């Protein structure tokens, strides 16, 4: 009996590749060109691979930051970077640089060189502190700050004398800017006195401003 030929199976058609919009998930705030398909590489299917633009700025990784092969700034370079921003006292700059050096003699030698070349100056530092603080603070606050910076007794004494000569005028200006009206009650006088004392003005100066005399205001500054 003749065998009937079975119909040949129909070759399966390749499944259509779904269309994907490469720009569908793109960041709407990025330039259009950054989402364009790159010419290479191509995957095995022959479809282009979409990637961000290679011109985008690359962030520096933490491993690169800590890479010991990166060129390190010299000790003098660090010192000059600090001094380019503002004046430093010698003691303050020493504290800033100490973590970057093992031998104290090396650091002291560098500070000597910076002073000799005019980069570092306690005198200029004192002038800058007085310039920033004198219009808002009394002499005791400013002198205490200079003592913390160890600028030397002679500079501190000279600065204290200068501040004392202008103390009353500076306190008057600070008081007028804050209040400008004489206190009418003991509580108000104590409040204004505390304000001036917190700014570093002496009790004698405060008495001249609030009472027109030389009374000692130390007790009223404490009491409310």
N, C-alpha and C. Protein backbone atom coordinates (compact mmCIF):
# COMPACT_ATOMS: atom_id res chain seq x y z
N UNK A 1 0.85 -1.18 0.00
CA UNK A 1 0.00 0.00 0.00
C UNK A 1 0.88 1.22 0.00
N UNK A 2 0.58 2.05 -0.93
CA UNK A 2 1.45 3.23 -1.05
C UNK A 2 1.31 4.10 0.19
N UNK A 3 2.41 4.52 0.65
CA UNK A 3 2.41 5.40 1.82
C UNK A 3 2.17 6.84 1.38
N UNK A 4 1.28 7.45 2.17
CA UNK A 4 0.99 8.86 1.86
C UNK A 4 2.09 9.73 2.43
N UNK A 5 2.54 10.60 1.62
CA UNK A 5 3.62 11.50 2.08
C UNK A 5 3.05 12.50 3.08
N UNK A 6 3.73 12.56 4.17
CA UNK A 6 3.29 13.53 5.19
C UNK A 6 3.71 14.92 4.75
N UNK A 7 2.81 15.82 4.98
CA UNK A 7 3.16 17.20 4.54
C UNK A 7 4.36 17.71 5.32
N UNK A 8 5.21 18.28 4.57
CA UNK A 8 6.41 18.84 5.20
C UNK A 8 6.03 19.92 6.20
N UNK A 9 6.72 19.88 7.37
CA UNK A 9 6.41 20.89 8.40
C UNK A 9 6.86 22.26 7.92
N UNK A 10 6.00 23.19 8.21
CA UNK A 10 6.27 24.56 7.75
C UNK A 10 7.38 25.16 8.59
N UNK A 11 8.40 25.64 7.96
CA UNK A 11 9.51 26.22 8.75
C UNK A 11 9.00 27.35 9.64
N UNK A 12 9.45 27.27 10.89
CA UNK A 12 8.99 28.30 11.85
C UNK A 12 9.60 29.65 11.50
N UNK A 13 8.74 30.63 11.57
CA UNK A 13 9.21 31.98 11.27
C UNK A 13 9.84 32.59 12.50
N UNK A 14 10.89 33.32 12.33
CA UNK A 14 11.53 33.97 13.50
C UNK A 14 10.56 34.94 14.17
N UNK A 15 10.60 34.86 15.51
CA UNK A 15 9.71 35.75 16.24
C UNK A 15 10.14 37.20 16.01
N UNK A 16 9.15 38.04 15.80
CA UNK A 16 9.51 39.46 15.55
C UNK A 16 10.16 40.06 16.78
N UNK A 17 11.17 40.79 16.53
CA UNK A 17 11.87 41.48 17.62
C UNK A 17 11.06 42.70 18.01
N UNK A 18 10.66 42.73 19.30
CA UNK A 18 9.82 43.88 19.71
C UNK A 18 10.58 45.19 19.57
N UNK A 19 9.83 46.17 19.15
CA UNK A 19 10.45 47.49 18.98
C UNK A 19 10.56 48.18 20.34
N UNK A 20 11.72 48.64 20.58
CA UNK A 20 11.93 49.39 21.83
C UNK A 20 12.43 50.78 21.48
N UNK A 21 11.86 51.70 22.14
CA UNK A 21 12.27 53.10 21.94
C UNK A 21 13.44 53.40 22.86
N UNK A 22 14.58 53.61 22.29
CA UNK A 22 15.77 53.84 23.09
C UNK A 22 15.69 55.12 23.89
N UNK A 23 14.78 55.99 23.50
CA UNK A 23 14.68 57.27 24.18
C UNK A 23 13.56 57.28 25.21
N UNK A 24 12.86 56.14 25.36
CA UNK A 24 11.71 56.10 26.25
C UNK A 24 12.10 56.33 27.70
N UNK A 25 13.25 55.68 28.10
CA UNK A 25 13.68 55.78 29.48
C UNK A 25 14.75 56.84 29.67
N UNK A 26 14.96 57.64 28.67
CA UNK A 26 16.05 58.63 28.77
C UNK A 26 15.66 59.72 29.75
N UNK A 27 16.66 60.28 30.32
CA UNK A 27 16.47 61.41 31.23
C UNK A 27 16.07 62.63 30.42
N UNK A 28 14.86 63.19 30.66
CA UNK A 28 14.39 64.32 29.82
C UNK A 28 15.22 65.57 29.97
N UNK A 29 16.08 65.61 31.03
CA UNK A 29 16.86 66.82 31.25
C UNK A 29 18.26 66.70 30.68
N UNK A 30 18.63 65.55 30.08
CA UNK A 30 19.93 65.40 29.47
C UNK A 30 19.88 65.80 28.01
N UNK A 31 21.01 66.25 27.44
CA UNK A 31 21.03 66.58 26.02
C UNK A 31 20.63 65.40 25.16
N UNK A 32 19.94 65.70 24.08
CA UNK A 32 19.45 64.65 23.20
C UNK A 32 20.57 63.77 22.68
N UNK A 33 21.74 64.36 22.39
CA UNK A 33 22.83 63.60 21.77
C UNK A 33 23.38 62.53 22.70
N UNK A 34 23.23 62.68 24.00
CA UNK A 34 23.83 61.72 24.92
C UNK A 34 23.11 60.39 24.90
N UNK A 35 21.89 60.36 24.41
CA UNK A 35 21.13 59.11 24.38
C UNK A 35 21.13 58.48 22.99
N UNK A 36 21.83 59.06 22.04
CA UNK A 36 21.86 58.53 20.69
C UNK A 36 22.63 57.23 20.65
N UNK A 37 22.29 56.30 19.71
CA UNK A 37 23.00 55.03 19.65
C UNK A 37 24.44 55.23 19.22
N UNK A 38 25.33 54.50 19.85
CA UNK A 38 26.73 54.55 19.47
C UNK A 38 26.97 53.65 18.27
N UNK A 39 27.99 53.95 17.53
CA UNK A 39 28.27 53.15 16.35
C UNK A 39 28.75 51.76 16.71
N UNK A 40 29.45 51.62 17.79
CA UNK A 40 29.95 50.34 18.25
C UNK A 40 29.79 50.29 19.75
N UNK A 41 29.73 49.07 20.32
CA UNK A 41 29.78 47.77 19.67
C UNK A 41 28.38 47.29 19.29
N UNK A 42 28.29 46.24 18.57
CA UNK A 42 27.05 45.59 18.22
C UNK A 42 26.97 44.25 18.94
N UNK A 43 25.81 43.92 19.48
CA UNK A 43 25.63 42.62 20.10
C UNK A 43 25.41 41.60 19.00
N UNK A 44 25.34 40.32 19.37
CA UNK A 44 25.25 39.26 18.37
C UNK A 44 24.03 39.39 17.49
N UNK A 45 22.95 39.96 18.06
CA UNK A 45 21.74 40.08 17.24
C UNK A 45 21.86 41.15 16.19
N UNK A 46 22.93 41.92 16.26
CA UNK A 46 23.11 42.97 15.28
C UNK A 46 22.46 44.28 15.64
N UNK A 47 21.84 44.32 16.85
CA UNK A 47 21.19 45.55 17.25
C UNK A 47 22.20 46.48 17.91
N UNK A 48 22.03 47.75 17.72
CA UNK A 48 22.98 48.69 18.33
C UNK A 48 22.81 48.75 19.85
N UNK A 49 23.87 49.03 20.51
CA UNK A 49 23.85 49.19 21.96
C UNK A 49 23.83 50.67 22.26
N UNK A 50 22.91 51.06 23.09
CA UNK A 50 22.79 52.46 23.44
C UNK A 50 23.55 52.72 24.73
N UNK A 51 24.30 53.79 24.77
CA UNK A 51 25.10 54.12 25.95
C UNK A 51 25.16 55.62 26.14
N UNK A 52 25.53 56.01 27.36
CA UNK A 52 25.70 57.41 27.61
C UNK A 52 26.90 57.94 26.85
N UNK A 53 26.90 59.19 26.59
CA UNK A 53 28.01 59.79 25.87
C UNK A 53 29.30 59.63 26.65
N UNK A 54 30.36 59.29 25.95
CA UNK A 54 31.65 59.11 26.60
C UNK A 54 32.26 60.42 27.03
N UNK A 55 31.65 61.54 26.58
CA UNK A 55 32.18 62.84 26.95
C UNK A 55 31.67 63.31 28.30
N UNK A 56 30.79 62.52 28.93
CA UNK A 56 30.25 62.94 30.22
C UNK A 56 31.36 62.91 31.27
N UNK A 57 31.37 63.92 32.15
CA UNK A 57 32.43 64.03 33.15
C UNK A 57 32.39 62.84 34.10
N UNK A 58 33.55 62.22 34.29
CA UNK A 58 33.63 61.04 35.14
C UNK A 58 33.98 61.46 36.54
N UNK A 59 33.26 60.87 37.51
CA UNK A 59 33.52 61.18 38.90
C UNK A 59 34.76 60.42 39.37
N UNK A 60 35.52 61.05 40.22
CA UNK A 60 36.70 60.42 40.76
C UNK A 60 36.30 59.47 41.88
N UNK A 61 36.75 58.23 41.79
CA UNK A 61 36.40 57.24 42.79
C UNK A 61 37.22 57.45 44.05
N UNK A 62 36.72 56.84 45.14
CA UNK A 62 37.42 56.98 46.41
C UNK A 62 38.80 56.33 46.35
N UNK A 63 38.90 55.22 45.60
CA UNK A 63 40.20 54.54 45.51
C UNK A 63 41.22 55.41 44.80
N UNK A 64 40.77 56.22 43.85
CA UNK A 64 41.69 57.11 43.16
C UNK A 64 42.13 58.25 44.06
N UNK A 65 41.19 58.71 44.91
CA UNK A 65 41.54 59.79 45.81
C UNK A 65 42.61 59.34 46.79
N UNK A 66 42.47 58.10 47.29
CA UNK A 66 43.41 57.57 48.27
C UNK A 66 44.60 56.86 47.65
N UNK A 67 44.72 56.96 46.35
CA UNK A 67 45.82 56.28 45.69
C UNK A 67 47.14 56.91 46.09
N UNK A 68 48.03 56.12 46.67
CA UNK A 68 49.31 56.72 47.10
C UNK A 68 50.16 57.21 45.95
N UNK A 69 49.81 56.81 44.73
CA UNK A 69 50.59 57.24 43.57
C UNK A 69 50.22 58.66 43.14
N UNK A 70 49.09 59.17 43.66
CA UNK A 70 48.72 60.54 43.31
C UNK A 70 49.75 61.50 43.87
N UNK A 71 50.12 62.52 43.11
CA UNK A 71 51.11 63.47 43.62
C UNK A 71 50.58 64.21 44.84
N UNK A 72 51.34 64.23 45.91
CA UNK A 72 50.94 64.86 47.15
C UNK A 72 51.46 66.30 47.21
N UNK A 73 50.65 67.20 47.78
CA UNK A 73 51.05 68.59 47.92
C UNK A 73 52.17 68.68 48.96
N UNK A 74 53.16 69.47 48.68
CA UNK A 74 54.26 69.63 49.61
C UNK A 74 53.79 70.36 50.86
N UNK A 75 54.59 70.26 51.93
CA UNK A 75 54.24 70.93 53.17
C UNK A 75 54.18 72.44 52.98
N UNK A 76 55.13 72.98 52.23
CA UNK A 76 55.12 74.41 51.97
C UNK A 76 53.91 74.79 51.12
N UNK A 77 53.56 73.92 50.18
CA UNK A 77 52.38 74.19 49.36
C UNK A 77 51.11 74.27 50.20
N UNK A 78 50.99 73.37 51.18
CA UNK A 78 49.83 73.42 52.07
C UNK A 78 49.83 74.71 52.88
N UNK A 79 51.00 75.09 53.38
CA UNK A 79 51.10 76.31 54.18
C UNK A 79 50.68 77.53 53.36
N UNK A 80 51.18 77.63 52.14
CA UNK A 80 50.85 78.78 51.30
C UNK A 80 49.37 78.78 50.92
N UNK A 81 48.79 77.59 50.79
CA UNK A 81 47.36 77.52 50.48
C UNK A 81 46.54 78.09 51.64
N UNK A 82 46.93 77.76 52.87
CA UNK A 82 46.24 78.34 54.03
C UNK A 82 46.41 79.85 54.06
N UNK A 83 47.64 80.31 53.89
CA UNK A 83 47.95 81.73 54.02
C UNK A 83 47.35 82.56 52.88
N UNK A 84 47.04 81.92 51.77
CA UNK A 84 46.43 82.66 50.66
C UNK A 84 44.98 83.01 50.95
N UNK A 85 44.37 82.33 51.92
CA UNK A 85 42.97 82.59 52.25
C UNK A 85 42.81 83.70 53.27
N UNK A 86 43.69 83.69 54.30
CA UNK A 86 43.61 84.73 55.34
C UNK A 86 44.91 84.70 56.13
N UNK A 87 45.05 85.64 57.07
CA UNK A 87 46.22 85.68 57.94
C UNK A 87 46.11 84.59 59.02
N UNK A 88 47.23 83.99 59.33
CA UNK A 88 47.31 83.00 60.40
C UNK A 88 48.39 83.42 61.38
N UNK A 89 48.17 83.10 62.66
CA UNK A 89 49.26 83.23 63.62
C UNK A 89 50.19 82.03 63.43
N UNK A 90 51.40 82.17 63.91
CA UNK A 90 52.36 81.06 63.79
C UNK A 90 51.84 79.81 64.51
N UNK A 91 51.30 80.00 65.71
CA UNK A 91 50.81 78.86 66.48
C UNK A 91 49.64 78.18 65.79
N UNK A 92 48.75 78.96 65.17
CA UNK A 92 47.60 78.38 64.49
C UNK A 92 48.03 77.60 63.25
N UNK A 93 48.96 78.16 62.47
CA UNK A 93 49.42 77.46 61.27
C UNK A 93 50.18 76.20 61.65
N UNK A 94 50.91 76.23 62.74
CA UNK A 94 51.61 75.02 63.20
C UNK A 94 50.60 73.91 63.48
N UNK A 95 49.50 74.24 64.14
CA UNK A 95 48.47 73.22 64.43
C UNK A 95 47.85 72.69 63.15
N UNK A 96 47.67 73.56 62.17
CA UNK A 96 47.08 73.12 60.90
C UNK A 96 47.99 72.14 60.15
N UNK A 97 49.29 72.39 60.20
CA UNK A 97 50.23 71.60 59.41
C UNK A 97 50.75 70.37 60.13
N UNK A 98 50.61 70.31 61.44
CA UNK A 98 51.20 69.22 62.21
C UNK A 98 50.77 67.83 61.74
N UNK A 99 49.51 67.61 61.33
CA UNK A 99 49.12 66.26 60.88
C UNK A 99 49.85 65.79 59.62
N UNK A 100 50.51 66.71 58.90
CA UNK A 100 51.12 66.34 57.63
C UNK A 100 52.64 66.17 57.72
N UNK A 101 53.19 66.18 58.92
CA UNK A 101 54.64 66.08 59.06
C UNK A 101 54.95 65.23 60.28
N UNK A 102 56.04 64.47 60.20
CA UNK A 102 56.45 63.60 61.30
C UNK A 102 57.44 64.28 62.22
N UNK A 103 58.32 65.08 61.67
CA UNK A 103 59.37 65.69 62.47
C UNK A 103 59.03 67.15 62.76
N UNK A 104 58.99 67.47 64.06
CA UNK A 104 58.64 68.84 64.46
C UNK A 104 59.69 69.84 63.99
N UNK A 105 60.96 69.41 63.94
CA UNK A 105 62.02 70.33 63.52
C UNK A 105 61.79 70.81 62.09
N UNK A 106 61.32 69.91 61.23
CA UNK A 106 61.05 70.28 59.84
C UNK A 106 59.97 71.35 59.76
N UNK A 107 58.93 71.21 60.57
CA UNK A 107 57.84 72.17 60.55
C UNK A 107 58.29 73.52 61.10
N UNK A 108 59.04 73.52 62.17
CA UNK A 108 59.53 74.78 62.73
C UNK A 108 60.43 75.51 61.74
N UNK A 109 61.24 74.75 61.04
CA UNK A 109 62.12 75.35 60.04
C UNK A 109 61.31 75.99 58.91
N UNK A 110 60.24 75.31 58.50
CA UNK A 110 59.39 75.86 57.45
C UNK A 110 58.73 77.16 57.93
N UNK A 111 58.24 77.19 59.15
CA UNK A 111 57.60 78.39 59.68
C UNK A 111 58.60 79.54 59.77
N UNK A 112 59.83 79.21 60.14
CA UNK A 112 60.87 80.25 60.16
C UNK A 112 61.07 80.85 58.78
N UNK A 113 61.10 79.99 57.77
CA UNK A 113 61.28 80.46 56.39
C UNK A 113 60.10 81.33 55.95
N UNK A 114 58.89 80.92 56.30
CA UNK A 114 57.70 81.68 55.91
C UNK A 114 57.69 83.06 56.58
N UNK A 115 58.15 83.13 57.83
CA UNK A 115 58.23 84.42 58.51
C UNK A 115 59.31 85.30 57.88
N UNK A 116 60.43 84.70 57.55
CA UNK A 116 61.53 85.47 56.95
C UNK A 116 61.13 86.02 55.59
N UNK A 117 60.37 85.24 54.84
CA UNK A 117 59.97 85.67 53.50
C UNK A 117 58.72 86.55 53.50
N UNK A 118 58.15 86.80 54.67
CA UNK A 118 57.01 87.70 54.75
C UNK A 118 55.66 87.06 54.53
N UNK A 119 55.60 85.75 54.41
CA UNK A 119 54.33 85.08 54.21
C UNK A 119 53.55 84.97 55.52
N UNK A 120 54.26 84.80 56.62
CA UNK A 120 53.64 84.56 57.92
C UNK A 120 54.03 85.69 58.87
N UNK A 121 53.03 86.25 59.56
CA UNK A 121 53.31 87.39 60.44
C UNK A 121 52.28 87.44 61.56
N UNK A 122 52.75 87.35 62.81
CA UNK A 122 51.85 87.51 63.95
C UNK A 122 51.30 88.93 64.00
N UNK A 123 52.10 89.91 63.61
CA UNK A 123 51.64 91.30 63.62
C UNK A 123 50.46 91.49 62.68
N UNK A 124 50.56 90.96 61.47
CA UNK A 124 49.44 91.09 60.53
C UNK A 124 48.22 90.32 61.02
N UNK A 125 48.46 89.18 61.64
CA UNK A 125 47.34 88.41 62.17
C UNK A 125 46.60 89.21 63.24
N UNK A 126 47.33 89.84 64.14
CA UNK A 126 46.70 90.66 65.18
C UNK A 126 45.89 91.79 64.55
N UNK A 127 46.46 92.45 63.56
CA UNK A 127 45.74 93.54 62.88
C UNK A 127 44.45 93.03 62.25
N UNK A 128 44.49 91.85 61.66
CA UNK A 128 43.29 91.31 61.01
C UNK A 128 42.22 90.97 62.04
N UNK A 129 42.63 90.42 63.19
CA UNK A 129 41.66 90.10 64.24
C UNK A 129 41.01 91.37 64.77
N UNK A 130 41.81 92.38 65.06
CA UNK A 130 41.27 93.64 65.57
C UNK A 130 40.34 94.28 64.54
N UNK A 131 40.72 94.22 63.28
CA UNK A 131 39.89 94.81 62.22
C UNK A 131 38.53 94.12 62.15
N UNK A 132 38.49 92.81 62.32
CA UNK A 132 37.24 92.07 62.22
C UNK A 132 36.39 92.19 63.48
N UNK A 133 37.01 92.34 64.64
CA UNK A 133 36.28 92.24 65.90
C UNK A 133 35.98 93.58 66.59
N UNK A 134 36.82 94.58 66.39
CA UNK A 134 36.75 95.79 67.21
C UNK A 134 35.40 96.50 67.13
N UNK A 135 34.75 96.48 65.99
CA UNK A 135 33.49 97.20 65.86
C UNK A 135 32.33 96.49 66.55
N UNK A 136 32.54 95.24 66.96
CA UNK A 136 31.45 94.47 67.56
C UNK A 136 31.76 93.95 68.96
N UNK A 137 33.02 93.97 69.38
CA UNK A 137 33.40 93.34 70.64
C UNK A 137 34.28 94.24 71.48
N UNK A 138 34.24 93.96 72.79
CA UNK A 138 35.07 94.68 73.72
C UNK A 138 36.48 94.14 73.76
N UNK A 139 37.35 94.88 74.43
CA UNK A 139 38.76 94.52 74.46
C UNK A 139 39.03 93.17 75.07
N UNK A 140 38.31 92.77 76.11
CA UNK A 140 38.60 91.50 76.78
C UNK A 140 38.36 90.31 75.86
N UNK A 141 37.31 90.37 75.05
CA UNK A 141 37.05 89.27 74.11
C UNK A 141 38.17 89.17 73.08
N UNK A 142 38.60 90.29 72.57
CA UNK A 142 39.64 90.30 71.54
C UNK A 142 40.96 89.83 72.12
N UNK A 143 41.31 90.31 73.31
CA UNK A 143 42.57 89.92 73.93
C UNK A 143 42.58 88.43 74.25
N UNK A 144 41.47 87.90 74.71
CA UNK A 144 41.41 86.46 74.99
C UNK A 144 41.63 85.64 73.73
N UNK A 145 41.10 86.12 72.61
CA UNK A 145 41.32 85.41 71.35
C UNK A 145 42.79 85.43 70.96
N UNK A 146 43.43 86.57 71.13
CA UNK A 146 44.85 86.67 70.79
C UNK A 146 45.70 85.79 71.70
N UNK A 147 45.32 85.68 72.96
CA UNK A 147 46.06 84.80 73.87
C UNK A 147 45.97 83.35 73.44
N UNK A 148 44.81 82.94 72.95
CA UNK A 148 44.66 81.56 72.48
C UNK A 148 45.57 81.28 71.28
N UNK A 149 45.88 82.31 70.53
CA UNK A 149 46.74 82.14 69.36
C UNK A 149 48.22 82.37 69.67
N UNK A 150 48.52 82.63 70.92
CA UNK A 150 49.92 82.72 71.37
C UNK A 150 50.75 83.64 70.48
N UNK A 151 50.29 84.88 70.34
CA UNK A 151 51.01 85.82 69.48
C UNK A 151 52.12 86.56 70.21
N UNK A 152 52.25 86.34 71.52
CA UNK A 152 53.33 86.98 72.27
C UNK A 152 52.81 88.07 73.18
N UNK A 153 53.45 88.19 74.35
CA UNK A 153 53.00 89.13 75.36
C UNK A 153 53.12 90.59 74.90
N UNK A 154 54.17 90.91 74.20
CA UNK A 154 54.37 92.31 73.79
C UNK A 154 53.27 92.75 72.83
N UNK A 155 52.92 91.90 71.87
CA UNK A 155 51.84 92.24 70.94
C UNK A 155 50.51 92.35 71.66
N UNK A 156 50.25 91.45 72.58
CA UNK A 156 48.99 91.47 73.32
C UNK A 156 48.89 92.73 74.17
N UNK A 157 49.97 93.10 74.85
CA UNK A 157 49.95 94.30 75.68
C UNK A 157 49.74 95.55 74.84
N UNK A 158 50.42 95.63 73.73
CA UNK A 158 50.29 96.79 72.85
C UNK A 158 48.87 96.90 72.30
N UNK A 159 48.29 95.78 71.92
CA UNK A 159 46.93 95.79 71.38
C UNK A 159 45.92 96.15 72.45
N UNK A 160 46.12 95.65 73.67
CA UNK A 160 45.19 95.97 74.76
C UNK A 160 45.16 97.46 75.04
N UNK A 161 46.32 98.13 74.99
CA UNK A 161 46.37 99.57 75.21
C UNK A 161 45.60 100.32 74.13
N UNK A 162 45.76 99.91 72.89
CA UNK A 162 45.05 100.57 71.79
C UNK A 162 43.54 100.39 71.93
N UNK A 163 43.11 99.17 72.27
CA UNK A 163 41.67 98.90 72.41
C UNK A 163 41.07 99.68 73.57
N UNK A 164 41.83 99.83 74.64
CA UNK A 164 41.32 100.54 75.81
C UNK A 164 41.00 102.00 75.47
N UNK A 165 41.78 102.60 74.58
CA UNK A 165 41.57 104.01 74.24
C UNK A 165 40.27 104.22 73.45
N UNK A 166 39.82 103.21 72.78
CA UNK A 166 38.60 103.35 71.97
C UNK A 166 37.43 102.53 72.53
N UNK A 167 37.62 101.96 73.71
CA UNK A 167 36.61 101.05 74.28
C UNK A 167 35.25 101.72 74.47
N UNK A 168 35.23 102.91 75.09
CA UNK A 168 33.95 103.57 75.37
C UNK A 168 33.20 103.92 74.08
N UNK A 169 33.91 104.42 73.09
CA UNK A 169 33.26 104.80 71.82
C UNK A 169 32.72 103.57 71.10
N UNK A 170 33.47 102.48 71.14
CA UNK A 170 33.01 101.26 70.47
C UNK A 170 31.81 100.66 71.20
N UNK A 171 31.83 100.68 72.53
CA UNK A 171 30.69 100.16 73.29
C UNK A 171 29.44 100.99 73.05
N UNK A 172 29.61 102.30 72.98
CA UNK A 172 28.47 103.18 72.71
C UNK A 172 27.84 102.87 71.35
N UNK A 173 28.69 102.63 70.35
CA UNK A 173 28.17 102.33 69.01
C UNK A 173 27.44 100.98 69.00
N UNK A 174 27.98 100.00 69.70
CA UNK A 174 27.32 98.68 69.77
C UNK A 174 25.98 98.80 70.49
N UNK A 175 25.95 99.55 71.61
CA UNK A 175 24.71 99.71 72.37
C UNK A 175 23.65 100.45 71.55
N UNK A 176 24.04 101.51 70.86
CA UNK A 176 23.07 102.27 70.06
C UNK A 176 22.48 101.43 68.93
N UNK A 177 23.31 100.58 68.34
CA UNK A 177 22.81 99.74 67.26
C UNK A 177 21.82 98.70 67.77
N UNK A 178 22.04 98.18 68.98
CA UNK A 178 21.17 97.16 69.54
C UNK A 178 19.94 97.74 70.22
N UNK A 179 20.13 98.79 71.03
CA UNK A 179 19.03 99.35 71.82
C UNK A 179 18.75 100.81 71.44
N UNK A 180 19.68 101.70 71.77
CA UNK A 180 19.51 103.11 71.44
C UNK A 180 18.57 103.87 72.36
N UNK A 181 17.93 103.18 73.30
CA UNK A 181 17.02 103.83 74.24
C UNK A 181 17.48 103.47 75.64
N UNK A 182 17.60 104.49 76.51
CA UNK A 182 18.07 104.24 77.88
C UNK A 182 17.09 103.34 78.62
N UNK A 183 17.59 102.42 79.42
CA UNK A 183 16.70 101.52 80.17
C UNK A 183 15.89 102.28 81.20
N UNK A 184 14.62 101.88 81.39
CA UNK A 184 13.73 102.57 82.32
C UNK A 184 13.51 101.76 83.59
N UNK A 185 13.81 100.49 83.59
CA UNK A 185 13.62 99.65 84.76
C UNK A 185 14.92 98.92 85.08
N UNK A 186 15.07 98.46 86.34
CA UNK A 186 16.26 97.69 86.69
C UNK A 186 16.42 96.44 85.84
N UNK A 187 15.31 95.79 85.52
CA UNK A 187 15.39 94.58 84.70
C UNK A 187 15.92 94.90 83.31
N UNK A 188 15.47 96.01 82.75
CA UNK A 188 15.95 96.39 81.42
C UNK A 188 17.41 96.80 81.47
N UNK A 189 17.81 97.50 82.54
CA UNK A 189 19.23 97.85 82.67
C UNK A 189 20.10 96.61 82.77
N UNK A 190 19.66 95.62 83.53
CA UNK A 190 20.42 94.38 83.67
C UNK A 190 20.52 93.64 82.34
N UNK A 191 19.44 93.67 81.58
CA UNK A 191 19.43 93.00 80.27
C UNK A 191 20.44 93.65 79.33
N UNK A 192 20.44 94.98 79.28
CA UNK A 192 21.37 95.67 78.40
C UNK A 192 22.81 95.51 78.88
N UNK A 193 22.98 95.48 80.20
CA UNK A 193 24.32 95.29 80.75
C UNK A 193 24.87 93.91 80.39
N UNK A 194 24.03 92.90 80.48
CA UNK A 194 24.47 91.54 80.13
C UNK A 194 24.86 91.45 78.67
N UNK A 195 24.11 92.14 77.83
CA UNK A 195 24.44 92.13 76.40
C UNK A 195 25.82 92.71 76.15
N UNK A 196 26.11 93.86 76.76
CA UNK A 196 27.42 94.48 76.56
C UNK A 196 28.54 93.66 77.20
N UNK A 197 28.26 93.06 78.34
CA UNK A 197 29.28 92.23 78.99
C UNK A 197 29.59 91.00 78.14
N UNK A 198 28.57 90.42 77.52
CA UNK A 198 28.80 89.25 76.67
C UNK A 198 29.66 89.61 75.47
N UNK A 199 29.60 90.85 75.04
CA UNK A 199 30.43 91.29 73.93
C UNK A 199 31.87 91.59 74.36
N UNK A 200 32.13 91.55 75.67
CA UNK A 200 33.50 91.74 76.13
C UNK A 200 33.82 93.12 76.65
N UNK A 201 32.81 93.96 76.88
CA UNK A 201 33.05 95.29 77.41
C UNK A 201 33.11 95.24 78.93
N UNK A 202 33.95 96.07 79.52
CA UNK A 202 34.16 96.05 80.97
C UNK A 202 32.97 96.64 81.70
N UNK A 203 32.87 96.33 83.01
CA UNK A 203 31.77 96.84 83.81
C UNK A 203 31.85 98.37 83.92
N UNK A 204 33.07 98.92 84.00
CA UNK A 204 33.20 100.37 84.05
C UNK A 204 32.68 101.04 82.80
N UNK A 205 32.97 100.46 81.63
CA UNK A 205 32.46 101.01 80.37
C UNK A 205 30.95 100.89 80.30
N UNK A 206 30.42 99.78 80.76
CA UNK A 206 28.97 99.58 80.73
C UNK A 206 28.28 100.60 81.63
N UNK A 207 28.87 100.89 82.81
CA UNK A 207 28.29 101.88 83.71
C UNK A 207 28.24 103.25 83.09
N UNK A 208 29.27 103.63 82.35
CA UNK A 208 29.28 104.94 81.70
C UNK A 208 28.16 105.06 80.67
N UNK A 209 27.88 103.98 79.97
CA UNK A 209 26.88 104.03 78.91
C UNK A 209 25.46 104.01 79.48
N UNK A 210 25.23 103.17 80.46
CA UNK A 210 23.87 102.97 80.97
C UNK A 210 23.49 103.95 82.07
N UNK A 211 24.48 104.48 82.80
CA UNK A 211 24.17 105.41 83.89
C UNK A 211 24.89 106.74 83.77
N UNK A 212 25.84 106.81 82.90
CA UNK A 212 26.60 108.03 82.78
C UNK A 212 27.63 108.20 83.87
N UNK A 213 28.02 107.10 84.53
CA UNK A 213 28.99 107.18 85.60
C UNK A 213 29.95 106.02 85.55
N UNK A 214 30.72 105.84 86.61
CA UNK A 214 31.72 104.78 86.67
C UNK A 214 31.31 103.65 87.61
N UNK A 215 30.00 103.47 87.84
CA UNK A 215 29.56 102.45 88.77
C UNK A 215 29.99 101.05 88.32
N UNK A 216 30.17 100.19 89.31
CA UNK A 216 30.53 98.80 89.02
C UNK A 216 29.24 98.03 88.76
N UNK A 217 29.13 97.53 87.54
CA UNK A 217 27.92 96.84 87.13
C UNK A 217 28.04 95.32 87.23
N UNK A 218 29.06 94.82 87.87
CA UNK A 218 29.30 93.37 87.88
C UNK A 218 28.14 92.61 88.52
N UNK A 219 27.52 93.17 89.57
CA UNK A 219 26.42 92.47 90.22
C UNK A 219 25.17 92.49 89.37
N UNK A 220 24.85 93.62 88.76
CA UNK A 220 23.65 93.71 87.94
C UNK A 220 23.77 92.90 86.66
N UNK A 221 25.00 92.68 86.21
CA UNK A 221 25.18 91.86 85.02
C UNK A 221 24.76 90.44 85.29
N UNK A 222 25.01 89.97 86.52
CA UNK A 222 24.66 88.60 86.90
C UNK A 222 23.19 88.49 87.23
N UNK A 223 22.67 89.46 88.03
CA UNK A 223 21.28 89.40 88.46
C UNK A 223 20.34 89.77 87.32
N UNK A 224 19.15 89.21 87.38
CA UNK A 224 18.15 89.51 86.36
C UNK A 224 17.15 90.52 86.92
